[in-house]
């Protein structure tokens, strides 16, 4: 595995196979380099579609001194009263 180059703390580029590897929690995904942009576009379109829903927002919190973001569902106003 000498051909792995760390791109981020959760992704690597495998020069030998020309693939990108993502690992998050217990899930790993490997994409061929030529498939990566299509996958990135799908993820971005999905993100935009979710954020266009009024009940879904980006929540911000801090963990281990780092600011993190996550999608969260706003509670129904009827549930708050």
Protein backbone atom coordinates (compact mmCIF):
# COMPACT_ATOMS: atom_id res chain seq x y z
CA UNK A 1 0.00 0.00 0.00
CA UNK A 2 2.87 2.34 -0.69
CA UNK A 3 0.80 3.97 -3.40
CA UNK A 4 -1.71 5.51 -0.92
CA UNK A 5 -1.48 9.27 -0.54
CA UNK A 6 -3.54 10.88 2.22
CA UNK A 7 -5.74 13.62 0.80
CA UNK A 8 -7.66 14.40 3.99
CA UNK A 9 -8.02 12.67 7.34
CA UNK A 10 -10.84 10.60 5.76
CA UNK A 11 -9.70 10.16 2.14
CA UNK A 12 -6.78 8.74 0.19
CA UNK A 13 -5.65 8.53 -3.42
CA UNK A 14 -4.32 5.17 -4.59
CA UNK A 15 -1.94 5.93 -7.42
CA UNK A 16 -1.53 2.25 -8.31
CA UNK A 17 -5.24 1.75 -9.06
CA UNK A 18 -6.09 5.41 -9.83
CA UNK A 19 -8.83 5.37 -7.23
CA UNK A 20 -10.02 7.50 -4.35
CA UNK A 21 -10.89 5.90 -1.03
CA UNK A 22 -13.18 7.44 1.58
CA UNK A 23 -13.58 6.06 5.07
CA UNK A 24 -16.18 7.32 7.50
CA UNK A 25 -17.09 5.45 10.66
CA UNK A 26 -17.40 1.82 9.54
CA UNK A 27 -18.01 2.56 5.87
CA UNK A 28 -15.36 2.70 3.15
CA UNK A 29 -16.05 3.69 -0.44
CA UNK A 30 -13.60 3.29 -3.31
CA UNK A 31 -14.19 5.19 -6.55
CA UNK A 32 -12.25 5.09 -9.78
CA UNK A 33 -10.69 8.47 -10.45
CA UNK A 34 -12.83 8.95 -13.56
CA UNK A 35 -16.00 8.40 -11.47
CA UNK A 36 -15.08 10.82 -8.69
CA UNK A 37 -16.46 14.08 -10.16
CA UNK A 38 -19.79 12.46 -11.01
CA UNK A 39 -20.03 11.19 -7.42
CA UNK A 40 -19.07 14.63 -6.05
CA UNK A 41 -21.76 16.24 -8.22
CA UNK A 42 -24.37 13.76 -6.93
CA UNK A 43 -23.39 14.51 -3.33
CA UNK A 44 -23.53 18.27 -3.91
CA UNK A 45 -26.91 18.07 -5.69
CA UNK A 46 -28.25 15.94 -2.83
CA UNK A 47 -26.93 18.46 -0.28
CA UNK A 48 -28.59 21.36 -2.10
CA UNK A 49 -31.86 19.45 -2.43
CA UNK A 50 -31.91 18.66 1.29
CA UNK A 51 -31.07 22.25 2.25
CA UNK A 52 -33.92 23.54 0.06
CA UNK A 53 -36.33 21.83 2.47
CA UNK A 54 -37.43 24.29 5.17
CA UNK A 55 -37.25 21.69 7.95
CA UNK A 56 -33.61 20.78 7.28
CA UNK A 57 -30.78 23.09 8.36
CA UNK A 58 -27.07 22.92 9.05
CA UNK A 59 -26.35 22.64 12.76
CA UNK A 60 -22.95 23.69 14.10
CA UNK A 61 -21.31 22.24 17.19
CA UNK A 62 -17.89 21.82 18.72
CA UNK A 63 -16.20 18.48 19.38
CA UNK A 64 -12.68 18.00 20.66
CA UNK A 65 -11.97 21.68 20.02
CA UNK A 66 -13.04 21.46 16.37
CA UNK A 67 -16.11 23.09 14.84
CA UNK A 68 -18.28 20.51 13.10
CA UNK A 69 -21.42 20.76 10.99
CA UNK A 70 -24.29 18.36 10.48
CA UNK A 71 -27.66 18.35 8.79
CA UNK A 72 -30.46 18.42 11.31
CA UNK A 73 -34.23 18.47 11.21
CA UNK A 74 -35.98 21.38 12.87
CA UNK A 75 -38.72 20.23 15.24
CA UNK A 76 -42.29 20.84 14.16
CA UNK A 77 -43.56 24.04 15.80
CA UNK A 78 -46.64 22.14 16.99
CA UNK A 79 -44.34 19.83 18.95
CA UNK A 80 -42.71 22.77 20.68
CA UNK A 81 -45.94 24.21 22.08
